[in-house]
Protein backbone atom coordinates (compact mmCIF):
# COMPACT_ATOMS: atom_id res chain seq x y z
CA UNK A 1 -22.44 8.99 -4.02
CA UNK A 2 -22.39 6.88 -0.88
CA UNK A 3 -20.14 8.10 1.94
CA UNK A 4 -19.19 4.66 3.25
CA UNK A 5 -16.84 3.90 0.34
CA UNK A 6 -13.08 4.01 0.52
CA UNK A 7 -12.15 4.98 -3.02
CA UNK A 8 -8.55 4.49 -4.14
CA UNK A 9 -8.56 6.64 -7.29
CA UNK A 10 -10.17 9.88 -8.39
CA UNK A 11 -10.55 11.42 -11.86
CA UNK A 12 -7.29 12.89 -13.11
CA UNK A 13 -4.98 10.62 -11.08
CA UNK A 14 -1.96 9.26 -12.92
CA UNK A 15 -1.32 5.56 -12.35
CA UNK A 16 0.77 2.61 -13.49
CA UNK A 17 0.40 -1.15 -13.22
CA UNK A 18 3.18 -2.98 -11.38
CA UNK A 19 2.98 -6.12 -13.54
CA UNK A 20 2.14 -4.62 -16.95
CA UNK A 21 4.74 -1.91 -17.44
CA UNK A 22 4.21 -2.12 -21.22
CA UNK A 23 0.84 -0.38 -20.70
CA UNK A 24 2.70 2.79 -19.71
CA UNK A 25 1.27 5.49 -17.49
CA UNK A 26 -2.50 5.83 -17.29
CA UNK A 27 -4.86 8.66 -16.46
CA UNK A 28 -8.12 8.04 -14.60
CA UNK A 29 -10.73 9.45 -16.97
CA UNK A 30 -13.85 8.66 -14.94
CA UNK A 31 -14.92 7.23 -11.61
CA UNK A 32 -18.40 5.68 -11.52
CA UNK A 33 -20.04 4.90 -8.18
CA UNK A 34 -23.27 2.97 -7.71
CA UNK A 35 -25.93 4.52 -5.50
CA UNK A 36 -27.24 1.08 -4.57
CA UNK A 37 -25.91 -0.37 -1.29
CA UNK A 38 -23.35 -3.03 -2.17
CA UNK A 39 -23.08 -1.67 -5.71
CA UNK A 40 -19.92 -1.46 -7.78
CA UNK A 41 -17.42 1.41 -7.93
CA UNK A 42 -15.39 1.55 -11.14
CA UNK A 43 -12.48 3.62 -12.46
CA UNK A 44 -11.89 3.99 -16.20
CA UNK A 45 -8.20 4.42 -16.97
CA UNK A 46 -6.67 5.36 -20.34
CA UNK A 47 -3.11 4.05 -20.64
CA UNK A 48 -0.32 5.17 -22.96
CA UNK A 49 -0.78 2.05 -25.10
CA UNK A 50 -4.10 3.59 -26.17
CA UNK A 51 -6.36 1.11 -24.35
CA UNK A 52 -9.12 2.07 -21.96
CA UNK A 53 -9.28 -0.35 -19.02
CA UNK A 54 -11.88 -0.54 -16.25
CA UNK A 55 -11.07 -1.54 -12.66
CA UNK A 56 -12.91 -1.83 -9.34
CA UNK A 57 -12.12 1.20 -7.18
CA UNK A 58 -13.38 0.35 -3.65
CA UNK A 59 -10.56 -0.49 -1.21
CA UNK A 60 -12.99 -2.54 0.88
CA UNK A 61 -13.61 -4.85 -2.09
CA UNK A 62 -11.12 -7.70 -2.64
CA UNK A 63 -11.28 -6.93 -6.38
CA UNK A 64 -10.04 -3.35 -5.94
CA UNK A 65 -7.48 -2.30 -8.54
CA UNK A 66 -4.96 -1.61 -5.75
CA UNK A 67 -4.81 -5.32 -4.93
CA UNK A 68 -4.28 -6.13 -8.62
CA UNK A 69 -1.22 -3.89 -8.99
CA UNK A 70 -2.49 -0.40 -9.87
CA UNK A 71 -0.41 2.27 -8.11
CA UNK A 72 -0.30 6.05 -8.21
CA UNK A 73 2.38 7.32 -10.57
CA UNK A 74 4.59 9.79 -8.75
CA UNK A 75 7.52 10.72 -10.97
CA UNK A 76 8.60 14.33 -10.45
CA UNK A 77 10.27 14.38 -13.88
CA UNK A 78 7.21 13.23 -15.83
CA UNK A 79 6.74 16.64 -17.48
CA UNK A 80 3.01 16.57 -18.18
CA UNK A 81 2.20 12.93 -19.00
CA UNK A 82 -1.53 13.62 -18.58
CA UNK A 83 -1.50 16.46 -21.12
CA UNK A 84 0.54 14.47 -23.69
CA UNK A 85 -1.48 11.28 -23.20
CA UNK A 86 -4.84 12.99 -23.67
CA UNK A 87 -3.55 15.04 -26.61
CA UNK A 88 -2.65 11.83 -28.45
CA UNK A 89 -6.32 10.98 -28.78
CA UNK A 90 -6.84 14.15 -30.80
CA UNK A 91 -5.39 13.44 -34.28
CA UNK A 92 -4.59 17.13 -34.79
CA UNK A 93 -2.41 17.18 -31.66
CA UNK A 94 -0.34 13.99 -32.11
C-alpha cells in the first residue's frame, strides 16, 4: 500500500449515505488500494438493503465517497448493527 494516500474508510467502519437513507447503515467489507502511482483506492460497502456498493476512498480524489455523501455512522444506541447486518447474509442466522 502506498503511504501518500489519505484514506477515508477502513474495513469494519459503519457508514451511512446522507442522500440515500433508504440504503440503511453500511459496513465497509473491503478496502482495495492500487500499488500503481495514481491508481484507484476503492471501498466495498454492504448496506442494510442487501446491496454491495463500491466507492472511491481517497480523500485527495474529487470522486472520494466523502464528497458524495458517505459519512461515518456514529449512533451510540445502534446495538451491534455490524453483527446483525453481516448475519443476515447467512440464511441460518436471519
